[in-house]
N, C-alpha and C. Protein backbone atom coordinates (compact mmCIF):
# COMPACT_ATOMS: atom_id res chain seq x y z
N MET A 1 87.09 88.10 121.37
CA MET A 1 87.09 87.28 120.17
C MET A 1 86.64 88.12 118.98
N SER A 2 87.27 87.91 117.84
CA SER A 2 86.88 88.65 116.64
C SER A 2 86.95 87.72 115.44
N THR A 3 86.32 88.14 114.37
CA THR A 3 86.37 87.41 113.11
C THR A 3 86.47 88.42 111.99
N ARG A 4 86.90 87.96 110.85
CA ARG A 4 87.08 88.83 109.70
C ARG A 4 86.27 88.27 108.54
N LYS A 5 85.50 89.15 107.88
CA LYS A 5 84.72 88.69 106.73
C LYS A 5 84.33 89.86 105.84
N GLN A 6 83.79 89.52 104.69
CA GLN A 6 83.31 90.53 103.75
C GLN A 6 81.89 90.94 104.14
N ASN A 7 81.71 92.20 104.41
CA ASN A 7 80.39 92.75 104.73
C ASN A 7 80.26 94.10 104.06
N TRP A 8 79.10 94.40 103.54
CA TRP A 8 78.84 95.67 102.89
C TRP A 8 79.88 95.98 101.82
N GLY A 9 80.35 94.93 101.14
CA GLY A 9 81.27 95.11 100.03
C GLY A 9 82.69 95.42 100.42
N GLU A 10 83.05 95.21 101.68
CA GLU A 10 84.43 95.47 102.08
C GLU A 10 84.88 94.47 103.14
N ASP A 11 86.17 94.36 103.30
CA ASP A 11 86.78 93.49 104.28
C ASP A 11 86.61 94.13 105.66
N ARG A 12 85.93 93.42 106.58
CA ARG A 12 85.63 94.00 107.89
C ARG A 12 86.04 93.05 109.01
N VAL A 13 86.32 93.62 110.17
CA VAL A 13 86.59 92.86 111.38
C VAL A 13 85.35 92.98 112.27
N MET A 14 84.81 91.85 112.69
CA MET A 14 83.62 91.81 113.53
C MET A 14 84.04 91.41 114.94
N PHE A 15 83.46 92.09 115.95
CA PHE A 15 83.79 91.79 117.34
C PHE A 15 82.64 92.21 118.24
N TYR A 16 82.65 91.73 119.46
CA TYR A 16 81.66 92.13 120.47
C TYR A 16 82.30 93.14 121.40
N ASP A 17 81.60 94.26 121.64
CA ASP A 17 82.13 95.28 122.54
C ASP A 17 81.90 94.88 124.00
N ALA A 18 82.28 95.75 124.93
CA ALA A 18 82.18 95.45 126.36
C ALA A 18 80.74 95.19 126.82
N GLN A 19 79.76 95.74 126.10
CA GLN A 19 78.35 95.53 126.44
C GLN A 19 77.76 94.32 125.72
N GLY A 20 78.57 93.60 124.96
CA GLY A 20 78.09 92.42 124.26
C GLY A 20 77.44 92.69 122.92
N ARG A 21 77.53 93.94 122.42
CA ARG A 21 76.94 94.28 121.11
C ARG A 21 77.93 93.96 119.99
N LEU A 22 77.41 93.41 118.90
CA LEU A 22 78.24 93.10 117.75
C LEU A 22 78.63 94.40 117.06
N ARG A 23 79.92 94.57 116.82
CA ARG A 23 80.45 95.77 116.15
C ARG A 23 81.30 95.32 114.98
N SER A 24 81.56 96.25 114.06
CA SER A 24 82.47 95.94 112.97
C SER A 24 83.21 97.20 112.56
N LEU A 25 84.41 96.99 112.07
CA LEU A 25 85.27 98.06 111.55
C LEU A 25 85.87 97.61 110.24
N PRO A 26 86.18 98.53 109.35
CA PRO A 26 86.94 98.13 108.16
C PRO A 26 88.28 97.53 108.60
N ALA A 27 88.67 96.44 107.98
CA ALA A 27 89.93 95.79 108.34
C ALA A 27 91.11 96.74 108.16
N SER A 28 91.01 97.67 107.22
CA SER A 28 92.11 98.60 106.98
C SER A 28 92.33 99.55 108.15
N TRP A 29 91.35 99.67 109.06
CA TRP A 29 91.50 100.52 110.25
C TRP A 29 92.21 99.78 111.38
N THR A 30 92.47 98.50 111.19
CA THR A 30 93.05 97.68 112.25
C THR A 30 94.42 97.16 111.84
N ASP A 31 95.02 96.37 112.70
CA ASP A 31 96.31 95.76 112.37
C ASP A 31 96.17 94.29 112.01
N VAL A 32 94.98 93.86 111.57
CA VAL A 32 94.79 92.45 111.21
C VAL A 32 95.50 92.09 109.91
N ASN A 33 95.73 93.05 109.04
CA ASN A 33 96.44 92.78 107.79
C ASN A 33 97.93 92.66 108.07
N GLU A 34 98.56 91.68 107.46
CA GLU A 34 100.01 91.61 107.55
C GLU A 34 100.59 92.75 106.74
N ALA A 35 101.69 93.31 107.23
CA ALA A 35 102.36 94.36 106.48
C ALA A 35 102.91 93.76 105.18
N ASP A 36 102.92 94.57 104.11
CA ASP A 36 103.48 94.07 102.86
C ASP A 36 104.98 93.84 103.03
N LEU A 37 105.57 93.10 102.11
CA LEU A 37 106.97 92.72 102.21
C LEU A 37 107.89 93.93 102.33
N PHE A 38 107.63 94.98 101.54
CA PHE A 38 108.47 96.18 101.61
C PHE A 38 108.43 96.77 103.01
N SER A 39 107.25 96.90 103.58
CA SER A 39 107.13 97.47 104.92
C SER A 39 107.85 96.63 105.97
N GLN A 40 107.79 95.32 105.80
CA GLN A 40 108.49 94.45 106.74
C GLN A 40 110.00 94.64 106.66
N VAL A 41 110.52 94.71 105.44
CA VAL A 41 111.96 94.87 105.26
C VAL A 41 112.42 96.26 105.67
N ALA A 42 111.65 97.29 105.32
CA ALA A 42 112.02 98.67 105.65
C ALA A 42 111.97 98.91 107.15
N ALA A 43 111.12 98.21 107.86
CA ALA A 43 111.00 98.30 109.32
C ALA A 43 110.90 99.75 109.79
N GLY A 44 110.11 100.56 109.07
CA GLY A 44 109.89 101.93 109.50
C GLY A 44 110.99 102.91 109.13
N ARG A 45 111.99 102.46 108.38
CA ARG A 45 113.11 103.34 108.05
C ARG A 45 112.91 104.12 106.76
N SER A 46 111.85 103.83 106.01
CA SER A 46 111.65 104.48 104.72
C SER A 46 110.42 105.39 104.77
N PHE A 47 110.54 106.55 104.15
CA PHE A 47 109.42 107.48 104.12
C PHE A 47 108.52 107.26 102.91
N SER A 48 108.98 106.48 101.93
CA SER A 48 108.22 106.28 100.70
C SER A 48 108.17 104.80 100.34
N ARG A 49 107.06 104.41 99.72
CA ARG A 49 106.93 103.06 99.20
C ARG A 49 107.38 103.06 97.74
N PRO A 50 107.83 101.92 97.21
CA PRO A 50 108.25 101.87 95.81
C PRO A 50 107.16 102.36 94.85
N ASP A 51 105.89 102.01 95.10
CA ASP A 51 104.80 102.45 94.21
C ASP A 51 104.68 103.97 94.22
N ASP A 52 104.87 104.59 95.39
CA ASP A 52 104.79 106.05 95.48
C ASP A 52 105.94 106.70 94.71
N LEU A 53 107.14 106.14 94.82
CA LEU A 53 108.30 106.69 94.09
C LEU A 53 108.11 106.54 92.58
N SER A 54 107.55 105.42 92.16
CA SER A 54 107.29 105.22 90.74
C SER A 54 106.27 106.24 90.22
N ALA A 55 105.22 106.47 90.99
CA ALA A 55 104.20 107.46 90.60
C ALA A 55 104.81 108.86 90.54
N LEU A 56 105.68 109.17 91.50
CA LEU A 56 106.34 110.48 91.50
C LEU A 56 107.23 110.63 90.28
N ALA A 57 107.99 109.60 89.93
CA ALA A 57 108.85 109.66 88.74
C ALA A 57 108.02 109.87 87.48
N SER A 58 106.89 109.20 87.37
CA SER A 58 106.00 109.38 86.21
C SER A 58 105.46 110.80 86.15
N LEU A 59 105.08 111.35 87.29
CA LEU A 59 104.58 112.72 87.34
C LEU A 59 105.66 113.71 86.91
N ILE A 60 106.87 113.52 87.39
CA ILE A 60 107.98 114.41 87.00
C ILE A 60 108.22 114.33 85.50
N ASP A 61 108.20 113.12 84.94
CA ASP A 61 108.36 112.96 83.49
C ASP A 61 107.28 113.71 82.72
N ARG A 62 106.02 113.62 83.18
CA ARG A 62 104.92 114.31 82.51
C ARG A 62 105.06 115.82 82.60
N ILE A 63 105.52 116.30 83.75
CA ILE A 63 105.73 117.74 83.92
C ILE A 63 106.84 118.21 82.98
N ARG A 64 107.93 117.47 82.92
CA ARG A 64 109.05 117.84 82.04
C ARG A 64 108.65 117.83 80.57
N ALA A 65 107.74 116.91 80.22
CA ALA A 65 107.29 116.82 78.83
C ALA A 65 106.25 117.88 78.50
N GLY A 66 105.84 118.67 79.49
CA GLY A 66 104.87 119.73 79.26
C GLY A 66 103.44 119.25 79.19
N CYS A 67 103.18 118.05 79.65
CA CYS A 67 101.82 117.51 79.62
C CYS A 67 100.97 118.02 80.77
N ILE A 68 101.61 118.58 81.77
CA ILE A 68 100.87 119.07 82.93
C ILE A 68 101.23 120.53 83.14
């Protein structure tokens, strides 16, 4: 059995280990989060997310403009 809650300022998954001790992990380390819509549609076929491609395009524009 596990539960999910905010602890130490972050989203965490709480669970009991085999010895009965309460443990927690950042939720981002687990699969409790639903995949975002893009990831669901891409189904593992894409190497880049739209946000990453947008950031790359902005970086290329800045390089071309001589800002970097």
